Amino acid sequence: MDHVNRLDTAPLFAPRDYEAPSLFTPQNLLREARRQKGLPEGRVPEICVFDPDGDLVDFLQASGRVRRHPTWACYHTVLETFAQDEIEYRIVGRVVGAPFAVLVAEELFASGCQLLISITSAGQILPMGQPPNVILIDKALRDEGTSYHYLPPAPYSHLHPALREMVSTHWDHGLVSLYVGASWTTDAPFRETEALIAQRRAEGILAVEMEAAALYAASQARQYQIICFAHVTNQMGQTEGILKRGRLREAKPLCLSLVRLLAPGDKERLNRHSQAI
C-alpha cells in the first residue's frame, strides 16, 4: 500500500531513463529458447515482413512458395522464408497489436534483420475512395502503451525520412496505388467512438491500426529500419459487407509490390539508407 500511495501519475507517463539498458533482452530470450528447443544458432535474412492478418502468408503457402525457417527460436511465432526476384525474405504472420509486434521485431533485429516491412489491415478514417487502399504511414498517433517505453511522451512517432523517400520513389504504382499519411495506433479497437473518430478525422488522420506507433518508436530509439503500411480494408464495420472484402484478391499484387520495393540491385540503395539512419 505504501508504494501505491506514492504514485502521483500513471506509470506509463512517469519519468524514466530512456537510455538505461534493459536487464531482459531479446538476445537472452532467444538464447534460452534455443536451449530449450534444441535449436542451433542462426541468422535471418536482411529483409523481413510482418503480415498481421496472415493474408500474404496464406497466399504464399497456397502457392507453395514458403518454407519454415529451421533456427527461428521465438516462442510465439513461425518464421517462413520465400524468394522474390532472387532476394530471400522472411515473413511472420498474425503479429497483432503493439506489444506483440515490437517483441517480435526486437527478436528479428537481434537475429540479423536489417529492414522490417509491416503491412497491417486498417479502418478508414478519412475518405480515400472505396476500400481496399494502401497507405505508407509516415507518422502514427501514439494512442497505445508500448511506444512510451521507448520514447518520451509526444503525439506521434515517425517513419525515417530516408525510408519515406525510398518507398515514394520506387513504389510500383502500376500494381497498387499508394497514399502517404498519418495513422492512429490504438490498443482498443472496440473503443473507437464516434467522438474520437471525428477528432482523428479533424486531425487529418487517414486510418486506424494497432502496431505502427510502437514499431516507429522502437525504430527511432534503436535505430532500426522499419516501414509500416496500412492496407485499408474496411470502414470499421459501418457498411455491411465491406469488412475485409478484397483481402485475398488484393494479396498477390500487394505482396509483389512490397517485394519489388527492394528488387535486385536495390541492396546498394538499402545500404545507403541504412547509413543515413
C-alpha atoms as a PDB file:
ATOM      1  CA  MET A   1       0.000   0.000   0.000  1.00  0.00           C
ATOM      2  CA  ASP A   2       2.880   2.339   0.752  1.00  0.00           C
ATOM      3  CA  HIS A   3       4.100   2.048  -2.829  1.00  0.00           C
ATOM      4  CA  VAL A   4       0.616   2.723  -4.191  1.00  0.00           C
ATOM      5  CA  ASN A   5       0.293   5.886  -2.115  1.00  0.00           C
ATOM      6  CA  ARG A   6       3.490   7.258  -3.654  1.00  0.00           C
ATOM      7  CA  LEU A   7       2.127   7.126  -7.193  1.00  0.00           C
ATOM      8  CA  ASP A   8       1.234  10.629  -8.336  1.00  0.00           C
ATOM      9  CA  THR A   9       0.852   9.834 -12.048  1.00  0.00           C
ATOM     10  CA  ALA A  10       0.039   6.871 -14.248  1.00  0.00           C
ATOM     11  CA  PRO A  11       3.135   4.636 -14.539  1.00  0.00           C
ATOM     12  CA  LEU A  12       3.062   4.894 -18.319  1.00  0.00           C
ATOM     13  CA  PHE A  13       3.773   8.634 -18.172  1.00  0.00           C
ATOM     14  CA  ALA A  14       6.056   8.702 -15.126  1.00  0.00           C
ATOM     15  CA  PRO A  15       9.632   9.960 -15.666  1.00  0.00           C
ATOM     16  CA  ARG A  16      12.043   7.250 -16.782  1.00  0.00           C
ATOM     17  CA  ASP A  17      15.573   6.845 -18.101  1.00  0.00           C
ATOM     18  CA  TYR A  18      15.170   6.054 -21.780  1.00  0.00           C
ATOM     19  CA  GLU A  19      18.902   5.426 -22.174  1.00  0.00           C
ATOM     20  CA  ALA A  20      19.104   2.801 -19.421  1.00  0.00           C
ATOM     21  CA  PRO A  21      19.680  -0.724 -20.762  1.00  0.00           C
ATOM     22  CA  SER A  22      17.063  -3.397 -20.168  1.00  0.00           C
ATOM     23  CA  LEU A  23      18.005  -6.358 -17.991  1.00  0.00           C
ATOM     24  CA  PHE A  24      15.753  -8.553 -20.152  1.00  0.00           C
ATOM     25  CA  THR A  25      16.971  -8.627 -23.752  1.00  0.00           C
ATOM     26  CA  PRO A  26      15.838 -10.353 -26.961  1.00  0.00           C
ATOM     27  CA  GLN A  27      19.271 -11.977 -27.238  1.00  0.00           C
ATOM     28  CA  ASN A  28      18.836 -13.641 -23.837  1.00  0.00           C
ATOM     29  CA  LEU A  29      15.298 -14.750 -24.618  1.00  0.00           C
ATOM     30  CA  LEU A  30      16.334 -16.309 -27.929  1.00  0.00           C
ATOM     31  CA  ARG A  31      19.347 -17.987 -26.313  1.00  0.00           C
ATOM     32  CA  GLU A  32      17.143 -19.674 -23.727  1.00  0.00           C
ATOM     33  CA  ALA A  33      14.552 -20.601 -26.329  1.00  0.00           C
ATOM     34  CA  ARG A  34      17.224 -22.249 -28.484  1.00  0.00           C
ATOM     35  CA  ARG A  35      18.498 -24.164 -25.460  1.00  0.00           C
ATOM     36  CA  GLN A  36      15.037 -25.419 -24.518  1.00  0.00           C
ATOM     37  CA  LYS A  37      14.107 -26.319 -28.099  1.00  0.00           C
ATOM     38  CA  GLY A  38      17.492 -27.799 -29.012  1.00  0.00           C
ATOM     39  CA  LEU A  39      17.964 -25.388 -31.920  1.00  0.00           C
ATOM     40  CA  PRO A  40      21.308 -24.220 -33.330  1.00  0.00           C
ATOM     41  CA  GLU A  41      22.143 -20.544 -33.663  1.00  0.00           C
ATOM     42  CA  GLY A  42      21.061 -18.975 -36.928  1.00  0.00           C
ATOM     43  CA  ARG A  43      20.592 -15.679 -38.710  1.00  0.00           C
ATOM     44  CA  VAL A  44      17.581 -14.317 -40.565  1.00  0.00           C
ATOM     45  CA  PRO A  45      17.807 -12.591 -43.973  1.00  0.00           C
ATOM     46  CA  GLU A  46      18.205  -8.829 -44.082  1.00  0.00           C
ATOM     47  CA  ILE A  47      14.599  -8.153 -45.162  1.00  0.00           C
ATOM     48  CA  CYS A  48      11.650  -9.379 -43.081  1.00  0.00           C
ATOM     49  CA  VAL A  49       7.909  -8.844 -43.438  1.00  0.00           C
ATOM     50  CA  PHE A  50       5.137  -8.635 -40.827  1.00  0.00           C
ATOM     51  CA  ASP A  51       1.723  -9.799 -42.016  1.00  0.00           C
ATOM     52  CA  PRO A  52      -0.583  -9.273 -39.009  1.00  0.00           C
ATOM     53  CA  ASP A  53      -3.689 -10.572 -40.805  1.00  0.00           C
ATOM     54  CA  GLY A  54      -1.946 -13.559 -42.361  1.00  0.00           C
ATOM     55  CA  ASP A  55      -3.290 -12.978 -45.881  1.00  0.00           C
ATOM     56  CA  LEU A  56       0.121 -12.753 -47.525  1.00  0.00           C
ATOM     57  CA  VAL A  57       1.282 -15.826 -45.620  1.00  0.00           C
ATOM     58  CA  ASP A  58      -1.850 -17.687 -46.729  1.00  0.00           C
ATOM     59  CA  PHE A  59      -1.262 -16.665 -50.350  1.00  0.00           C
ATOM     60  CA  LEU A  60       2.385 -17.766 -50.273  1.00  0.00           C
ATOM     61  CA  GLN A  61       1.528 -21.053 -48.564  1.00  0.00           C
ATOM     62  CA  ALA A  62      -1.240 -21.777 -51.085  1.00  0.00           C
ATOM     63  CA  SER A  63       1.212 -21.215 -53.936  1.00  0.00           C
ATOM     64  CA  GLY A  64       3.840 -23.454 -52.317  1.00  0.00           C
ATOM     65  CA  ARG A  65       6.422 -20.684 -52.082  1.00  0.00           C
ATOM     66  CA  VAL A  66       7.332 -20.742 -48.384  1.00  0.00           C
ATOM     67  CA  ARG A  67       9.390 -22.973 -46.150  1.00  0.00           C
ATOM     68  CA  ARG A  68       9.744 -22.828 -42.401  1.00  0.00           C
ATOM     69  CA  HIS A  69      12.912 -21.245 -41.009  1.00  0.00           C
ATOM     70  CA  PRO A  70      14.855 -24.023 -39.252  1.00  0.00           C
ATOM     71  CA  THR A  71      16.531 -21.993 -36.472  1.00  0.00           C
ATOM     72  CA  TRP A  72      13.895 -19.361 -35.547  1.00  0.00           C
ATOM     73  CA  ALA A  73      13.518 -19.816 -31.786  1.00  0.00           C
ATOM     74  CA  CYS A  74      10.700 -17.362 -30.973  1.00  0.00           C
ATOM     75  CA  TYR A  75       8.178 -18.945 -28.596  1.00  0.00           C
ATOM     76  CA  HIS A  76       5.193 -17.222 -30.179  1.00  0.00           C
ATOM     77  CA  THR A  77       5.596 -17.153 -33.972  1.00  0.00           C
ATOM     78  CA  VAL A  78       6.545 -19.135 -37.052  1.00  0.00           C
ATOM     79  CA  LEU A  79       9.090 -17.550 -39.387  1.00  0.00           C
ATOM     80  CA  GLU A  80       8.798 -18.597 -43.013  1.00  0.00           C
ATOM     81  CA  THR A  81      11.062 -17.980 -45.991  1.00  0.00           C
ATOM     82  CA  PHE A  82      10.120 -17.004 -49.519  1.00  0.00           C
ATOM     83  CA  ALA A  83      12.075 -15.726 -52.506  1.00  0.00           C
ATOM     84  CA  GLN A  84      11.130 -12.999 -54.969  1.00  0.00           C
ATOM     85  CA  ASP A  85      13.345 -11.704 -57.779  1.00  0.00           C
ATOM     86  CA  GLU A  86      16.334 -13.631 -56.365  1.00  0.00           C
ATOM     87  CA  ILE A  87      16.040 -11.960 -52.943  1.00  0.00           C
ATOM     88  CA  GLU A  88      15.254 -14.053 -49.871  1.00  0.00           C
ATOM     89  CA  TYR A  89      12.736 -12.737 -47.339  1.00  0.00           C
ATOM     90  CA  ARG A  90      11.338 -13.861 -44.016  1.00  0.00           C
ATOM     91  CA  ILE A  91       7.658 -13.374 -43.235  1.00  0.00           C
ATOM     92  CA  VAL A  92       5.840 -13.633 -39.887  1.00  0.00           C
ATOM     93  CA  GLY A  93       2.074 -13.893 -39.884  1.00  0.00           C
ATOM     94  CA  ARG A  94      -0.541 -12.764 -37.367  1.00  0.00           C
ATOM     95  CA  VAL A  95       1.634 -10.482 -35.240  1.00  0.00           C
ATOM     96  CA  VAL A  96      -1.244  -8.334 -33.983  1.00  0.00           C
ATOM     97  CA  GLY A  97      -1.014  -5.366 -31.612  1.00  0.00           C
ATOM     98  CA  ALA A  98       1.756  -3.033 -30.494  1.00  0.00           C
ATOM     99  CA  PRO A  99       3.378  -5.074 -27.678  1.00  0.00           C
ATOM    100  CA  PHE A 100       3.483  -8.296 -29.706  1.00  0.00           C
ATOM    101  CA  ALA A 101       4.746  -6.551 -32.841  1.00  0.00           C
ATOM    102  CA  VAL A 102       7.617  -4.847 -31.016  1.00  0.00           C
ATOM    103  CA  LEU A 103       8.552  -8.019 -29.124  1.00  0.00           C
ATOM    104  CA  VAL A 104       8.920  -9.973 -32.367  1.00  0.00           C
ATOM    105  CA  ALA A 105      10.609  -7.039 -34.144  1.00  0.00           C
ATOM    106  CA  GLU A 106      13.247  -6.863 -31.411  1.00  0.00           C
ATOM    107  CA  GLU A 107      13.885 -10.591 -31.835  1.00  0.00           C
ATOM    108  CA  LEU A 108      14.202 -10.236 -35.608  1.00  0.00           C
ATOM    109  CA  PHE A 109      16.706  -7.392 -35.393  1.00  0.00           C
ATOM    110  CA  ALA A 110      18.663  -9.324 -32.763  1.00  0.00           C
ATOM    111  CA  SER A 111      18.818 -12.173 -35.304  1.00  0.00           C
ATOM    112  CA  GLY A 112      20.201 -10.190 -38.243  1.00  0.00           C
ATOM    113  CA  CYS A 113      17.213  -8.395 -39.783  1.00  0.00           C
ATOM    114  CA  GLN A 114      18.163  -5.075 -41.392  1.00  0.00           C
ATOM    115  CA  LEU A 115      14.789  -3.936 -42.731  1.00  0.00           C
ATOM    116  CA  LEU A 116      11.327  -4.792 -41.431  1.00  0.00           C
ATOM    117  CA  ILE A 117       8.238  -4.126 -43.560  1.00  0.00           C
ATOM    118  CA  SER A 118       4.879  -4.289 -41.757  1.00  0.00           C
ATOM    119  CA  ILE A 119       1.620  -4.410 -43.712  1.00  0.00           C
ATOM    120  CA  THR A 120      -1.451  -4.389 -41.484  1.00  0.00           C
ATOM    121  CA  SER A 121      -5.154  -4.057 -42.153  1.00  0.00           C
ATOM    122  CA  ALA A 122      -6.700  -0.762 -41.061  1.00  0.00           C
ATOM    123  CA  GLY A 123     -10.023   1.009 -40.720  1.00  0.00           C
ATOM    124  CA  GLN A 124     -10.723   4.047 -42.863  1.00  0.00           C
ATOM    125  CA  ILE A 125     -10.913   7.437 -41.097  1.00  0.00           C
ATOM    126  CA  LEU A 126     -10.710   9.946 -43.961  1.00  0.00           C
ATOM    127  CA  PRO A 127     -12.332   9.107 -47.294  1.00  0.00           C
ATOM    128  CA  MET A 128      -9.895   7.760 -49.897  1.00  0.00           C
ATOM    129  CA  GLY A 129     -12.320   6.010 -52.170  1.00  0.00           C
ATOM    130  CA  GLN A 130     -13.777   2.563 -51.695  1.00  0.00           C
ATOM    131  CA  PRO A 131     -11.507   0.188 -49.724  1.00  0.00           C
ATOM    132  CA  PRO A 132      -9.140  -1.551 -50.108  1.00  0.00           C
ATOM    133  CA  ASN A 133      -6.422   1.115 -50.269  1.00  0.00           C
ATOM    134  CA  VAL A 134      -2.751   1.146 -49.260  1.00  0.00           C
ATOM    135  CA  ILE A 135      -1.152   3.840 -47.094  1.00  0.00           C
ATOM    136  CA  LEU A 136       2.514   4.391 -46.388  1.00  0.00           C
ATOM    137  CA  ILE A 137       2.314   5.508 -42.744  1.00  0.00           C
ATOM    138  CA  ASP A 138       4.657   8.471 -42.352  1.00  0.00           C
ATOM    139  CA  LYS A 139       3.626   9.157 -38.750  1.00  0.00           C
ATOM    140  CA  ALA A 140       1.470   7.306 -36.233  1.00  0.00           C
ATOM    141  CA  LEU A 141      -0.536   8.762 -33.355  1.00  0.00           C
ATOM    142  CA  ARG A 142       0.656   7.161 -30.129  1.00  0.00           C
ATOM    143  CA  ASP A 143      -2.656   6.094 -28.596  1.00  0.00           C
ATOM    144  CA  GLU A 144      -1.134   2.869 -27.245  1.00  0.00           C
ATOM    145  CA  GLY A 145       1.283   1.991 -24.460  1.00  0.00           C
ATOM    146  CA  THR A 146       4.382   0.344 -25.913  1.00  0.00           C
ATOM    147  CA  SER A 147       5.863   3.425 -27.596  1.00  0.00           C
ATOM    148  CA  TYR A 148       6.134   5.239 -24.245  1.00  0.00           C
ATOM    149  CA  HIS A 149       8.684   2.700 -23.063  1.00  0.00           C
ATOM    150  CA  TYR A 150      10.950   3.656 -25.979  1.00  0.00           C
ATOM    151  CA  LEU A 151      10.456   7.410 -26.437  1.00  0.00           C
ATOM    152  CA  PRO A 152       9.362  10.313 -24.203  1.00  0.00           C
ATOM    153  CA  PRO A 153       5.699  11.329 -24.488  1.00  0.00           C
ATOM    154  CA  ALA A 154       4.810  13.063 -27.766  1.00  0.00           C
ATOM    155  CA  PRO A 155       1.795  12.890 -30.058  1.00  0.00           C
ATOM    156  CA  TYR A 156       3.417  10.939 -32.901  1.00  0.00           C
ATOM    157  CA  SER A 157       6.223   8.583 -33.804  1.00  0.00           C
ATOM    158  CA  HIS A 158       7.640   8.865 -37.312  1.00  0.00           C
ATOM    159  CA  LEU A 159       8.921   6.973 -40.317  1.00  0.00           C
ATOM    160  CA  HIS A 160      12.504   7.950 -41.060  1.00  0.00           C
ATOM    161  CA  PRO A 161      12.561  10.488 -43.941  1.00  0.00           C
ATOM    162  CA  ALA A 162      15.160   8.452 -45.857  1.00  0.00           C
ATOM    163  CA  LEU A 163      12.881   5.411 -45.853  1.00  0.00           C
ATOM    164  CA  ARG A 164       9.889   7.512 -46.886  1.00  0.00           C
ATOM    165  CA  GLU A 165      11.892   8.817 -49.837  1.00  0.00           C
ATOM    166  CA  MET A 166      12.969   5.306 -50.817  1.00  0.00           C
ATOM    167  CA  VAL A 167       9.406   3.982 -50.798  1.00  0.00           C
ATOM    168  CA  SER A 168       7.871   7.000 -52.536  1.00  0.00           C
ATOM    169  CA  THR A 169      10.483   6.905 -55.285  1.00  0.00           C
ATOM    170  CA  HIS A 170      10.453   3.208 -56.015  1.00  0.00           C
ATOM    171  CA  TRP A 171       6.901   2.049 -55.248  1.00  0.00           C
ATOM    172  CA  ASP A 172       5.314   0.226 -58.188  1.00  0.00           C
ATOM    173  CA  HIS A 173       2.104   2.239 -58.693  1.00  0.00           C
ATOM    174  CA  GLY A 174       1.229   0.052 -61.663  1.00  0.00           C
ATOM    175  CA  LEU A 175       0.455  -2.779 -59.252  1.00  0.00           C
ATOM    176  CA  VAL A 176      -1.028  -0.968 -56.248  1.00  0.00           C
ATOM    177  CA  SER A 177      -1.815   2.727 -55.717  1.00  0.00           C
ATOM    178  CA  LEU A 178      -0.196   4.313 -52.674  1.00  0.00           C
ATOM    179  CA  TYR A 179      -1.330   7.065 -50.287  1.00  0.00           C
ATOM    180  CA  VAL A 180       1.067   8.680 -47.803  1.00  0.00           C
ATOM    181  CA  GLY A 181      -0.161   9.997 -44.465  1.00  0.00           C
ATOM    182  CA  ALA A 182      -0.838   9.559 -40.757  1.00  0.00           C
ATOM    183  CA  SER A 183      -2.447   6.681 -38.901  1.00  0.00           C
ATOM    184  CA  TRP A 184      -3.947   6.331 -35.448  1.00  0.00           C
ATOM    185  CA  THR A 185      -2.470   3.427 -33.473  1.00  0.00           C
ATOM    186  CA  THR A 186      -4.814   2.138 -30.785  1.00  0.00           C
ATOM    187  CA  ASP A 187      -4.720  -0.670 -28.236  1.00  0.00           C
ATOM    188  CA  ALA A 188      -8.518  -0.741 -28.013  1.00  0.00           C
ATOM    189  CA  PRO A 189     -10.240  -1.200 -31.382  1.00  0.00           C
ATOM    190  CA  PHE A 190     -13.652  -1.579 -29.740  1.00  0.00           C
ATOM    191  CA  ARG A 191     -13.293   1.850 -28.111  1.00  0.00           C
ATOM    192  CA  GLU A 192     -13.183   3.758 -31.396  1.00  0.00           C
ATOM    193  CA  THR A 193     -16.084   6.035 -30.521  1.00  0.00           C
ATOM    194  CA  GLU A 194     -17.874   8.448 -32.794  1.00  0.00           C
ATOM    195  CA  ALA A 195     -16.315  11.426 -30.989  1.00  0.00           C
ATOM    196  CA  LEU A 196     -12.789  10.010 -31.218  1.00  0.00           C
ATOM    197  CA  ILE A 197     -13.166   9.192 -34.899  1.00  0.00           C
ATOM    198  CA  ALA A 198     -14.412  12.725 -35.596  1.00  0.00           C
ATOM    199  CA  GLN A 199     -11.426  14.132 -33.713  1.00  0.00           C
ATOM    200  CA  ARG A 200      -8.969  11.959 -35.641  1.00  0.00           C
ATOM    201  CA  ARG A 201     -10.626  12.950 -38.907  1.00  0.00           C
ATOM    202  CA  ALA A 202     -10.193  16.628 -37.989  1.00  0.00           C
ATOM    203  CA  GLU A 203      -6.501  15.914 -37.335  1.00  0.00           C
ATOM    204  CA  GLY A 204      -6.105  14.624 -40.887  1.00  0.00           C
ATOM    205  CA  ILE A 205      -5.527  11.002 -39.926  1.00  0.00           C
ATOM    206  CA  LEU A 206      -6.230   8.558 -42.743  1.00  0.00           C
ATOM    207  CA  ALA A 207      -6.723   5.253 -40.945  1.00  0.00           C
ATOM    208  CA  VAL A 208      -6.646   3.383 -37.636  1.00  0.00           C
ATOM    209  CA  GLU A 209      -4.482   0.338 -36.914  1.00  0.00           C
ATOM    210  CA  MET A 210      -2.736  -1.345 -33.960  1.00  0.00           C
ATOM    211  CA  GLU A 211       1.059  -1.502 -34.456  1.00  0.00           C
ATOM    212  CA  ALA A 212       2.728   1.402 -36.290  1.00  0.00           C
ATOM    213  CA  ALA A 213       3.283   3.914 -33.460  1.00  0.00           C
ATOM    214  CA  ALA A 214       5.090   1.347 -31.351  1.00  0.00           C
ATOM    215  CA  LEU A 215       7.150  -0.009 -34.253  1.00  0.00           C
ATOM    216  CA  TYR A 216       8.230   3.504 -35.251  1.00  0.00           C
ATOM    217  CA  ALA A 217       9.092   4.362 -31.646  1.00  0.00           C
ATOM    218  CA  ALA A 218      11.294   1.275 -31.409  1.00  0.00           C
ATOM    219  CA  SER A 219      12.770   2.206 -34.779  1.00  0.00           C
ATOM    220  CA  GLN A 220      13.659   5.711 -33.581  1.00  0.00           C
ATOM    221  CA  ALA A 221      15.024   4.546 -30.231  1.00  0.00           C
ATOM    222  CA  ARG A 222      17.014   1.562 -31.531  1.00  0.00           C
ATOM    223  CA  GLN A 223      17.981   2.899 -34.969  1.00  0.00           C
ATOM    224  CA  TYR A 224      16.093   0.097 -36.694  1.00  0.00           C
ATOM    225  CA  GLN A 225      14.855   0.347 -40.281  1.00  0.00           C
ATOM    226  CA  ILE A 226      11.084  -0.219 -40.137  1.00  0.00           C
ATOM    227  CA  ILE A 227       8.455   0.694 -42.737  1.00  0.00           C
ATOM    228  CA  CYS A 228       4.740   0.422 -41.899  1.00  0.00           C
ATOM    229  CA  PHE A 229       1.949   0.163 -44.439  1.00  0.00           C
ATOM    230  CA  ALA A 230      -1.769   0.220 -43.706  1.00  0.00           C
ATOM    231  CA  HIS A 231      -3.984  -1.816 -46.005  1.00  0.00           C
ATOM    232  CA  VAL A 232      -7.324  -0.061 -45.568  1.00  0.00           C
ATOM    233  CA  THR A 233      -9.797  -2.896 -45.876  1.00  0.00           C
ATOM    234  CA  ASN A 234     -12.834  -1.623 -44.020  1.00  0.00           C
ATOM    235  CA  GLN A 235     -14.854   1.291 -42.707  1.00  0.00           C
ATOM    236  CA  MET A 236     -14.780  -0.142 -39.167  1.00  0.00           C
ATOM    237  CA  GLY A 237     -17.779  -2.340 -39.891  1.00  0.00           C
ATOM    238  CA  GLN A 238     -20.046   0.644 -40.534  1.00  0.00           C
ATOM    239  CA  THR A 239     -21.002  -0.514 -44.038  1.00  0.00           C
ATOM    240  CA  GLU A 240     -22.405  -4.015 -44.331  1.00  0.00           C
ATOM    241  CA  GLY A 241     -20.313  -6.340 -46.447  1.00  0.00           C
ATOM    242  CA  ILE A 242     -17.249  -4.122 -46.702  1.00  0.00           C
ATOM    243  CA  LEU A 243     -15.244  -5.575 -43.819  1.00  0.00           C
ATOM    244  CA  LYS A 244     -12.209  -7.388 -45.253  1.00  0.00           C
ATOM    245  CA  ARG A 245     -13.725  -7.561 -48.730  1.00  0.00           C
ATOM    246  CA  GLY A 246     -10.986  -7.938 -51.314  1.00  0.00           C
ATOM    247  CA  ARG A 247      -8.223  -9.001 -48.920  1.00  0.00           C
ATOM    248  CA  LEU A 248      -7.321 -12.254 -50.639  1.00  0.00           C
ATOM    249  CA  ARG A 249      -7.983 -10.765 -54.070  1.00  0.00           C
ATOM    250  CA  GLU A 250      -5.524  -7.956 -53.309  1.00  0.00           C
ATOM    251  CA  ALA A 251      -2.918 -10.108 -51.544  1.00  0.00           C
ATOM    252  CA  LYS A 252      -0.961 -11.126 -54.658  1.00  0.00           C
ATOM    253  CA  PRO A 253      -0.362  -7.659 -56.203  1.00  0.00           C
ATOM    254  CA  LEU A 254       0.220  -6.170 -52.769  1.00  0.00           C
ATOM    255  CA  CYS A 255       2.829  -8.807 -51.978  1.00  0.00           C
ATOM    256  CA  LEU A 256       4.546  -8.282 -55.318  1.00  0.00           C
ATOM    257  CA  SER A 257       4.557  -4.506 -54.878  1.00  0.00           C
ATOM    258  CA  LEU A 258       6.128  -4.846 -51.448  1.00  0.00           C
ATOM    259  CA  VAL A 259       8.926  -7.115 -52.525  1.00  0.00           C
ATOM    260  CA  ARG A 260       9.623  -5.189 -55.724  1.00  0.00           C
ATOM    261  CA  LEU A 261      10.286  -2.235 -53.478  1.00  0.00           C
ATOM    262  CA  LEU A 262      13.680  -3.871 -52.971  1.00  0.00           C
ATOM    263  CA  ALA A 263      14.372  -5.562 -56.280  1.00  0.00           C
ATOM    264  CA  PRO A 264      17.766  -6.966 -57.331  1.00  0.00           C
ATOM    265  CA  GLY A 265      20.326  -4.183 -57.366  1.00  0.00           C
ATOM    266  CA  ASP A 266      18.477  -2.287 -54.625  1.00  0.00           C
ATOM    267  CA  LYS A 267      20.668  -3.625 -51.826  1.00  0.00           C
ATOM    268  CA  GLU A 268      23.087  -0.791 -52.504  1.00  0.00           C
ATOM    269  CA  ARG A 269      20.217   1.671 -52.028  1.00  0.00           C
ATOM    270  CA  LEU A 270      19.176  -0.101 -48.807  1.00  0.00           C
ATOM    271  CA  ASN A 271      22.738   0.222 -47.527  1.00  0.00           C
ATOM    272  CA  ARG A 272      22.775   3.936 -48.362  1.00  0.00           C
ATOM    273  CA  HIS A 273      19.558   4.489 -46.448  1.00  0.00           C
ATOM    274  CA  SER A 274      20.908   2.421 -43.554  1.00  0.00           C
ATOM    275  CA  GLN A 275      23.903   4.729 -43.360  1.00  0.00           C
ATOM    276  CA  ALA A 276      21.583   7.761 -43.449  1.00  0.00           C
ATOM    277  CA  ILE A 277      19.722   6.413 -40.432  1.00  0.00           C
END
